[in-house]
All heavy atoms as atom14 arrays in JSON, in Angstrom:
{
  "sequence": "EAADGTLSQDAIASGSDDMEGMAFFLIFWLAIVGLFT",
  "atom14_mask": [
    [1, 1, 1, 1, 1, 1, 1, 1, 1, 0, 0, 0, 0, 0],
    [1, 1, 1, 1, 1, 0, 0, 0, 0, 0, 0, 0, 0, 0],
    [1, 1, 1, 1, 1, 0, 0, 0, 0, 0, 0, 0, 0, 0],
    [1, 1, 1, 1, 1, 1, 1, 1, 0, 0, 0, 0, 0, 0],
    [1, 1, 1, 1, 0, 0, 0, 0, 0, 0, 0, 0, 0, 0],
    [1, 1, 1, 1, 1, 1, 1, 0, 0, 0, 0, 0, 0, 0],
    [1, 1, 1, 1, 1, 1, 1, 1, 0, 0, 0, 0, 0, 0],
    [1, 1, 1, 1, 1, 1, 0, 0, 0, 0, 0, 0, 0, 0],
    [1, 1, 1, 1, 1, 1, 1, 1, 1, 0, 0, 0, 0, 0],
    [1, 1, 1, 1, 1, 1, 1, 1, 0, 0, 0, 0, 0, 0],
    [1, 1, 1, 1, 1, 0, 0, 0, 0, 0, 0, 0, 0, 0],
    [1, 1, 1, 1, 1, 1, 1, 1, 0, 0, 0, 0, 0, 0],
    [1, 1, 1, 1, 1, 0, 0, 0, 0, 0, 0, 0, 0, 0],
    [1, 1, 1, 1, 1, 1, 0, 0, 0, 0, 0, 0, 0, 0],
    [1, 1, 1, 1, 0, 0, 0, 0, 0, 0, 0, 0, 0, 0],
    [1, 1, 1, 1, 1, 1, 0, 0, 0, 0, 0, 0, 0, 0],
    [1, 1, 1, 1, 1, 1, 1, 1, 0, 0, 0, 0, 0, 0],
    [1, 1, 1, 1, 1, 1, 1, 1, 0, 0, 0, 0, 0, 0],
    [1, 1, 1, 1, 1, 1, 1, 1, 0, 0, 0, 0, 0, 0],
    [1, 1, 1, 1, 1, 1, 1, 1, 1, 0, 0, 0, 0, 0],
    [1, 1, 1, 1, 0, 0, 0, 0, 0, 0, 0, 0, 0, 0],
    [1, 1, 1, 1, 1, 1, 1, 1, 0, 0, 0, 0, 0, 0],
    [1, 1, 1, 1, 1, 0, 0, 0, 0, 0, 0, 0, 0, 0],
    [1, 1, 1, 1, 1, 1, 1, 1, 1, 1, 1, 0, 0, 0],
    [1, 1, 1, 1, 1, 1, 1, 1, 1, 1, 1, 0, 0, 0],
    [1, 1, 1, 1, 1, 1, 1, 1, 0, 0, 0, 0, 0, 0],
    [1, 1, 1, 1, 1, 1, 1, 1, 0, 0, 0, 0, 0, 0],
    [1, 1, 1, 1, 1, 1, 1, 1, 1, 1, 1, 0, 0, 0],
    [1, 1, 1, 1, 1, 1, 1, 1, 1, 1, 1, 1, 1, 1],
    [1, 1, 1, 1, 1, 1, 1, 1, 0, 0, 0, 0, 0, 0],
    [1, 1, 1, 1, 1, 0, 0, 0, 0, 0, 0, 0, 0, 0],
    [1, 1, 1, 1, 1, 1, 1, 1, 0, 0, 0, 0, 0, 0],
    [1, 1, 1, 1, 1, 1, 1, 0, 0, 0, 0, 0, 0, 0],
    [1, 1, 1, 1, 0, 0, 0, 0, 0, 0, 0, 0, 0, 0],
    [1, 1, 1, 1, 1, 1, 1, 1, 0, 0, 0, 0, 0, 0],
    [1, 1, 1, 1, 1, 1, 1, 1, 1, 1, 1, 0, 0, 0],
    [1, 1, 1, 1, 1, 1, 1, 0, 0, 0, 0, 0, 0, 0]
  ],
  "atom14_positions": [
    [[7.92, 20.11, 4.35], [8.13, 19.39, 5.6], [9.04, 18.18, 5.4], [9.91, 17.89, 6.23], [6.79, 18.96, 6.18], [5.92, 20.11, 6.68], [4.61, 19.62, 7.25], [4.38, 18.39, 7.24], [3.81, 20.46, 7.7], [0.0, 0.0, 0.0], [0.0, 0.0, 0.0], [0.0, 0.0, 0.0], [0.0, 0.0, 0.0], [0.0, 0.0, 0.0]],
    [[8.83, 17.48, 4.3], [9.67, 16.3, 4.02], [11.12, 16.71, 3.81], [12.04, 16.06, 4.33], [9.14, 15.57, 2.78], [0.0, 0.0, 0.0], [0.0, 0.0, 0.0], [0.0, 0.0, 0.0], [0.0, 0.0, 0.0], [0.0, 0.0, 0.0], [0.0, 0.0, 0.0], [0.0, 0.0, 0.0], [0.0, 0.0, 0.0], [0.0, 0.0, 0.0]],
    [[11.34, 17.79, 3.07], [12.71, 18.26, 2.82], [13.39, 18.7, 4.11], [14.6, 18.53, 4.29], [12.69, 19.4, 1.81], [0.0, 0.0, 0.0], [0.0, 0.0, 0.0], [0.0, 0.0, 0.0], [0.0, 0.0, 0.0], [0.0, 0.0, 0.0], [0.0, 0.0, 0.0], [0.0, 0.0, 0.0], [0.0, 0.0, 0.0], [0.0, 0.0, 0.0]],
    [[12.6, 19.24, 5.04], [13.13, 19.68, 6.34], [13.3, 18.53, 7.32], [13.9, 18.7, 8.39], [12.21, 20.73, 6.98], [12.24, 22.05, 6.22], [13.23, 22.28, 5.5], [11.28, 22.83, 6.36], [0.0, 0.0, 0.0], [0.0, 0.0, 0.0], [0.0, 0.0, 0.0], [0.0, 0.0, 0.0], [0.0, 0.0, 0.0], [0.0, 0.0, 0.0]],
    [[12.71, 17.37, 7.0], [12.76, 16.24, 7.91], [11.72, 16.31, 9.01], [11.82, 15.6, 10.02], [0.0, 0.0, 0.0], [0.0, 0.0, 0.0], [0.0, 0.0, 0.0], [0.0, 0.0, 0.0], [0.0, 0.0, 0.0], [0.0, 0.0, 0.0], [0.0, 0.0, 0.0], [0.0, 0.0, 0.0], [0.0, 0.0, 0.0], [0.0, 0.0, 0.0]],
    [[10.7, 17.16, 8.84], [9.67, 17.32, 9.87], [8.35, 16.65, 9.5], [7.39, 16.72, 10.28], [9.41, 18.82, 10.14], [8.98, 19.45, 8.93], [10.67, 19.5, 10.65], [0.0, 0.0, 0.0], [0.0, 0.0, 0.0], [0.0, 0.0, 0.0], [0.0, 0.0, 0.0], [0.0, 0.0, 0.0], [0.0, 0.0, 0.0], [0.0, 0.0, 0.0]],
    [[8.28, 16.01, 8.35], [7.06, 15.31, 7.96], [6.88, 14.08, 8.84], [7.82, 13.32, 9.05], [7.12, 14.9, 6.49], [5.86, 14.28, 5.89], [4.7, 15.26, 5.91], [6.12, 13.81, 4.46], [0.0, 0.0, 0.0], [0.0, 0.0, 0.0], [0.0, 0.0, 0.0], [0.0, 0.0, 0.0], [0.0, 0.0, 0.0], [0.0, 0.0, 0.0]],
    [[5.69, 13.9, 9.36], [5.41, 12.81, 10.31], [5.77, 11.45, 9.72], [5.25, 11.04, 8.68], [3.93, 12.82, 10.68], [3.59, 11.65, 11.4], [0.0, 0.0, 0.0], [0.0, 0.0, 0.0], [0.0, 0.0, 0.0], [0.0, 0.0, 0.0], [0.0, 0.0, 0.0], [0.0, 0.0, 0.0], [0.0, 0.0, 0.0], [0.0, 0.0, 0.0]],
    [[6.67, 10.75, 10.4], [7.07, 9.42, 9.96], [5.93, 8.42, 10.12], [5.81, 7.45, 9.36], [8.3, 8.95, 10.73], [9.55, 9.76, 10.46], [9.94, 9.76, 8.99], [10.01, 8.7, 8.35], [10.19, 10.94, 8.44], [0.0, 0.0, 0.0], [0.0, 0.0, 0.0], [0.0, 0.0, 0.0], [0.0, 0.0, 0.0], [0.0, 0.0, 0.0]],
    [[5.08, 8.63, 11.13], [3.93, 7.74, 11.31], [2.97, 7.86, 10.14], [2.41, 6.86, 9.68], [3.19, 8.1, 12.62], [4.01, 7.76, 13.85], [4.92, 6.91, 13.74], [3.76, 8.35, 14.92], [0.0, 0.0, 0.0], [0.0, 0.0, 0.0], [0.0, 0.0, 0.0], [0.0, 0.0, 0.0], [0.0, 0.0, 0.0], [0.0, 0.0, 0.0]],
    [[2.78, 9.1, 9.65], [1.9, 9.31, 8.5], [2.47, 8.64, 7.26], [1.74, 8.0, 6.5], [1.7, 10.81, 8.26], [0.0, 0.0, 0.0], [0.0, 0.0, 0.0], [0.0, 0.0, 0.0], [0.0, 0.0, 0.0], [0.0, 0.0, 0.0], [0.0, 0.0, 0.0], [0.0, 0.0, 0.0], [0.0, 0.0, 0.0], [0.0, 0.0, 0.0]],
    [[3.78, 8.79, 7.07], [4.43, 8.17, 5.91], [4.28, 6.65, 5.98], [3.97, 6.0, 4.98], [5.92, 8.55, 5.86], [6.08, 10.05, 5.6], [6.64, 7.75, 4.78], [7.5, 10.54, 5.69], [0.0, 0.0, 0.0], [0.0, 0.0, 0.0], [0.0, 0.0, 0.0], [0.0, 0.0, 0.0], [0.0, 0.0, 0.0], [0.0, 0.0, 0.0]],
    [[4.49, 6.1, 7.18], [4.39, 4.65, 7.35], [2.98, 4.16, 7.1], [2.77, 3.11, 6.47], [4.84, 4.26, 8.75], [0.0, 0.0, 0.0], [0.0, 0.0, 0.0], [0.0, 0.0, 0.0], [0.0, 0.0, 0.0], [0.0, 0.0, 0.0], [0.0, 0.0, 0.0], [0.0, 0.0, 0.0], [0.0, 0.0, 0.0], [0.0, 0.0, 0.0]],
    [[1.98, 4.91, 7.57], [0.6, 4.5, 7.37], [0.24, 4.52, 5.89], [-0.47, 3.65, 5.4], [-0.35, 5.41, 8.16], [-0.32, 6.73, 7.63], [0.0, 0.0, 0.0], [0.0, 0.0, 0.0], [0.0, 0.0, 0.0], [0.0, 0.0, 0.0], [0.0, 0.0, 0.0], [0.0, 0.0, 0.0], [0.0, 0.0, 0.0], [0.0, 0.0, 0.0]],
    [[0.72, 5.53, 5.18], [0.47, 5.6, 3.75], [1.12, 4.44, 3.01], [0.54, 3.87, 2.09], [0.0, 0.0, 0.0], [0.0, 0.0, 0.0], [0.0, 0.0, 0.0], [0.0, 0.0, 0.0], [0.0, 0.0, 0.0], [0.0, 0.0, 0.0], [0.0, 0.0, 0.0], [0.0, 0.0, 0.0], [0.0, 0.0, 0.0], [0.0, 0.0, 0.0]],
    [[2.33, 4.09, 3.43], [3.03, 2.96, 2.82], [2.3, 1.66, 3.08], [2.16, 0.81, 2.2], [4.46, 2.89, 3.36], [5.14, 1.77, 2.83], [0.0, 0.0, 0.0], [0.0, 0.0, 0.0], [0.0, 0.0, 0.0], [0.0, 0.0, 0.0], [0.0, 0.0, 0.0], [0.0, 0.0, 0.0], [0.0, 0.0, 0.0], [0.0, 0.0, 0.0]],
    [[1.78, 1.5, 4.32], [1.04, 0.29, 4.67], [-0.23, 0.17, 3.84], [-0.61, -0.92, 3.41], [0.68, 0.3, 6.16], [1.92, 0.14, 7.04], [2.95, -0.32, 6.52], [1.83, 0.48, 8.24], [0.0, 0.0, 0.0], [0.0, 0.0, 0.0], [0.0, 0.0, 0.0], [0.0, 0.0, 0.0], [0.0, 0.0, 0.0], [0.0, 0.0, 0.0]],
    [[-0.92, 1.31, 3.63], [-2.13, 1.29, 2.82], [-1.85, 0.83, 1.41], [-2.6, 0.04, 0.83], [-2.76, 2.68, 2.79], [-3.35, 3.07, 4.14], [-3.56, 2.16, 4.97], [-3.59, 4.27, 4.36], [0.0, 0.0, 0.0], [0.0, 0.0, 0.0], [0.0, 0.0, 0.0], [0.0, 0.0, 0.0], [0.0, 0.0, 0.0], [0.0, 0.0, 0.0]],
    [[-0.76, 1.35, 0.81], [-0.42, 0.98, -0.56], [-0.02, -0.49, -0.65], [-0.38, -1.19, -1.59], [0.72, 1.86, -1.07], [0.33, 3.32, -1.28], [-1.06, 3.5, -2.42], [-0.3, 2.89, -3.93], [0.0, 0.0, 0.0], [0.0, 0.0, 0.0], [0.0, 0.0, 0.0], [0.0, 0.0, 0.0], [0.0, 0.0, 0.0], [0.0, 0.0, 0.0]],
    [[0.71, -0.98, 0.36], [1.1, -2.39, 0.37], [-0.11, -3.29, 0.5], [-0.21, -4.34, -0.14], [2.08, -2.65, 1.51], [3.46, -2.03, 1.29], [4.38, -2.24, 2.47], [3.94, -2.89, 3.45], [5.53, -1.77, 2.42], [0.0, 0.0, 0.0], [0.0, 0.0, 0.0], [0.0, 0.0, 0.0], [0.0, 0.0, 0.0], [0.0, 0.0, 0.0]],
    [[-1.07, -2.85, 1.35], [-2.29, -3.63, 1.51], [-3.1, -3.67, 0.23], [-3.63, -4.72, -0.14], [0.0, 0.0, 0.0], [0.0, 0.0, 0.0], [0.0, 0.0, 0.0], [0.0, 0.0, 0.0], [0.0, 0.0, 0.0], [0.0, 0.0, 0.0], [0.0, 0.0, 0.0], [0.0, 0.0, 0.0], [0.0, 0.0, 0.0], [0.0, 0.0, 0.0]],
    [[-3.21, -2.53, -0.46], [-3.93, -2.48, -1.72], [-3.26, -3.35, -2.77], [-3.93, -4.09, -3.5], [-4.0, -1.03, -2.22], [-4.66, -0.86, -3.58], [-6.41, -1.26, -3.56], [-7.04, 0.22, -2.75], [0.0, 0.0, 0.0], [0.0, 0.0, 0.0], [0.0, 0.0, 0.0], [0.0, 0.0, 0.0], [0.0, 0.0, 0.0], [0.0, 0.0, 0.0]],
    [[-1.93, -3.28, -2.84], [-1.19, -4.09, -3.82], [-1.38, -5.57, -3.55], [-1.59, -6.36, -4.47], [0.29, -3.73, -3.78], [0.0, 0.0, 0.0], [0.0, 0.0, 0.0], [0.0, 0.0, 0.0], [0.0, 0.0, 0.0], [0.0, 0.0, 0.0], [0.0, 0.0, 0.0], [0.0, 0.0, 0.0], [0.0, 0.0, 0.0], [0.0, 0.0, 0.0]],
    [[-1.31, -5.95, -2.26], [-1.49, -7.36, -1.9], [-2.88, -7.83, -2.29], [-3.06, -8.92, -2.85], [-1.27, -7.55, -0.4], [-1.56, -8.96, 0.08], [-0.63, -9.97, -0.11], [-2.77, -9.26, 0.69], [-0.9, -11.27, 0.31], [-3.04, -10.55, 1.12], [-2.1, -11.56, 0.93], [0.0, 0.0, 0.0], [0.0, 0.0, 0.0], [0.0, 0.0, 0.0]],
    [[-3.89, -6.99, -1.99], [-5.26, -7.38, -2.32], [-5.44, -7.56, -3.82], [-6.05, -8.52, -4.28], [-6.24, -6.33, -1.8], [-7.66, -6.59, -2.24], [-8.44, -7.54, -1.59], [-8.2, -5.91, -3.32], [-9.74, -7.79, -2.01], [-9.5, -6.15, -3.74], [-10.27, -7.09, -3.08], [0.0, 0.0, 0.0], [0.0, 0.0, 0.0], [0.0, 0.0, 0.0]],
    [[-4.9, -6.6, -4.61], [-5.06, -6.68, -6.05], [-4.38, -7.92, -6.63], [-4.93, -8.59, -7.5], [-4.51, -5.41, -6.71], [-5.35, -4.14, -6.53], [-4.65, -2.96, -7.15], [-6.74, -4.31, -7.12], [0.0, 0.0, 0.0], [0.0, 0.0, 0.0], [0.0, 0.0, 0.0], [0.0, 0.0, 0.0], [0.0, 0.0, 0.0], [0.0, 0.0, 0.0]],
    [[-3.18, -8.22, -6.12], [-2.47, -9.42, -6.59], [-3.26, -10.67, -6.23], [-3.44, -11.58, -7.05], [-1.05, -9.47, -5.98], [-0.2, -8.34, -6.56], [-0.4, -10.82, -6.27], [1.15, -8.19, -5.89], [0.0, 0.0, 0.0], [0.0, 0.0, 0.0], [0.0, 0.0, 0.0], [0.0, 0.0, 0.0], [0.0, 0.0, 0.0], [0.0, 0.0, 0.0]],
    [[-3.75, -10.73, -4.98], [-4.54, -11.86, -4.53], [-5.81, -11.99, -5.36], [-6.18, -13.08, -5.82], [-4.89, -11.69, -3.05], [-5.79, -12.76, -2.51], [-5.28, -13.99, -2.13], [-7.17, -12.54, -2.39], [-6.12, -14.98, -1.63], [-8.0, -13.52, -1.9], [-7.48, -14.75, -1.52], [0.0, 0.0, 0.0], [0.0, 0.0, 0.0], [0.0, 0.0, 0.0]],
    [[-6.47, -10.84, -5.58], [-7.72, -10.84, -6.33], [-7.49, -11.31, -7.77], [-8.24, -12.14, -8.3], [-8.32, -9.44, -6.31], [-9.67, -9.35, -6.94], [-10.88, -9.56, -6.36], [-9.95, -9.03, -8.31], [-11.89, -9.37, -7.25], [-11.36, -9.05, -8.47], [-9.16, -8.71, -9.41], [-11.97, -8.78, -9.68], [-9.77, -8.44, -10.62], [-11.15, -8.47, -10.74]],
    [[-6.44, -10.77, -8.4], [-6.16, -11.13, -9.78], [-5.81, -12.61, -9.91], [-6.22, -13.28, -10.87], [-5.01, -10.28, -10.33], [-5.34, -8.81, -10.62], [-4.07, -8.05, -10.95], [-6.33, -8.7, -11.76], [0.0, 0.0, 0.0], [0.0, 0.0, 0.0], [0.0, 0.0, 0.0], [0.0, 0.0, 0.0], [0.0, 0.0, 0.0], [0.0, 0.0, 0.0]],
    [[-5.06, -13.13, -8.93], [-4.64, -14.53, -8.99], [-5.82, -15.48, -8.83], [-5.98, -16.42, -9.62], [-3.58, -14.8, -7.92], [0.0, 0.0, 0.0], [0.0, 0.0, 0.0], [0.0, 0.0, 0.0], [0.0, 0.0, 0.0], [0.0, 0.0, 0.0], [0.0, 0.0, 0.0], [0.0, 0.0, 0.0], [0.0, 0.0, 0.0], [0.0, 0.0, 0.0]],
    [[-6.65, -15.23, -7.83], [-7.75, -16.14, -7.53], [-8.92, -15.95, -8.49], [-9.36, -16.88, -9.18], [-8.22, -15.97, -6.07], [-7.05, -16.2, -5.1], [-9.37, -16.93, -5.78], [-6.42, -17.56, -5.2], [0.0, 0.0, 0.0], [0.0, 0.0, 0.0], [0.0, 0.0, 0.0], [0.0, 0.0, 0.0], [0.0, 0.0, 0.0], [0.0, 0.0, 0.0]],
    [[-9.43, -14.72, -8.54], [-10.6, -14.46, -9.38], [-10.25, -14.62, -10.86], [-11.05, -15.13, -11.65], [-11.15, -13.05, -9.1], [-12.33, -12.74, -10.02], [-11.58, -12.93, -7.65], [0.0, 0.0, 0.0], [0.0, 0.0, 0.0], [0.0, 0.0, 0.0], [0.0, 0.0, 0.0], [0.0, 0.0, 0.0], [0.0, 0.0, 0.0], [0.0, 0.0, 0.0]],
    [[-9.04, -14.18, -11.23], [-8.62, -14.33, -12.62], [-8.57, -15.78, -13.05], [-9.0, -16.13, -14.15], [0.0, 0.0, 0.0], [0.0, 0.0, 0.0], [0.0, 0.0, 0.0], [0.0, 0.0, 0.0], [0.0, 0.0, 0.0], [0.0, 0.0, 0.0], [0.0, 0.0, 0.0], [0.0, 0.0, 0.0], [0.0, 0.0, 0.0], [0.0, 0.0, 0.0]],
    [[-8.05, -16.63, -12.16], [-7.95, -18.06, -12.47], [-9.34, -18.66, -12.7], [-9.57, -19.36, -13.69], [-7.23, -18.79, -11.34], [-7.17, -20.32, -11.45], [-6.38, -20.72, -12.69], [-6.54, -20.92, -10.2], [0.0, 0.0, 0.0], [0.0, 0.0, 0.0], [0.0, 0.0, 0.0], [0.0, 0.0, 0.0], [0.0, 0.0, 0.0], [0.0, 0.0, 0.0]],
    [[-10.27, -18.38, -11.79], [-11.62, -18.95, -11.92], [-12.37, -18.35, -13.11], [-13.21, -19.01, -13.71], [-12.4, -18.74, -10.63], [-12.08, -19.74, -9.56], [-11.17, -19.43, -8.57], [-12.66, -21.0, -9.57], [-10.85, -20.37, -7.59], [-12.35, -21.94, -8.6], [-11.44, -21.63, -7.61], [0.0, 0.0, 0.0], [0.0, 0.0, 0.0], [0.0, 0.0, 0.0]],
    [[-12.04, -17.09, -13.46], [-12.66, -16.49, -14.63], [-12.23, -17.22, -15.9], [-13.05, -17.51, -16.78], [-12.3, -15.0, -14.74], [-12.74, -14.31, -13.57], [-12.95, -14.37, -15.96], [0.0, 0.0, 0.0], [0.0, 0.0, 0.0], [0.0, 0.0, 0.0], [0.0, 0.0, 0.0], [0.0, 0.0, 0.0], [0.0, 0.0, 0.0], [0.0, 0.0, 0.0]]
  ]
}
């Protein structure tokens, strides 16, 4: 579907948002909790 250009762009965007949110959380968590540790 992706090669044909028929893969849902909304699905792709949602997946990208999830990964960005996870990355942001991990960076935030490592910075704050890591510092206090």
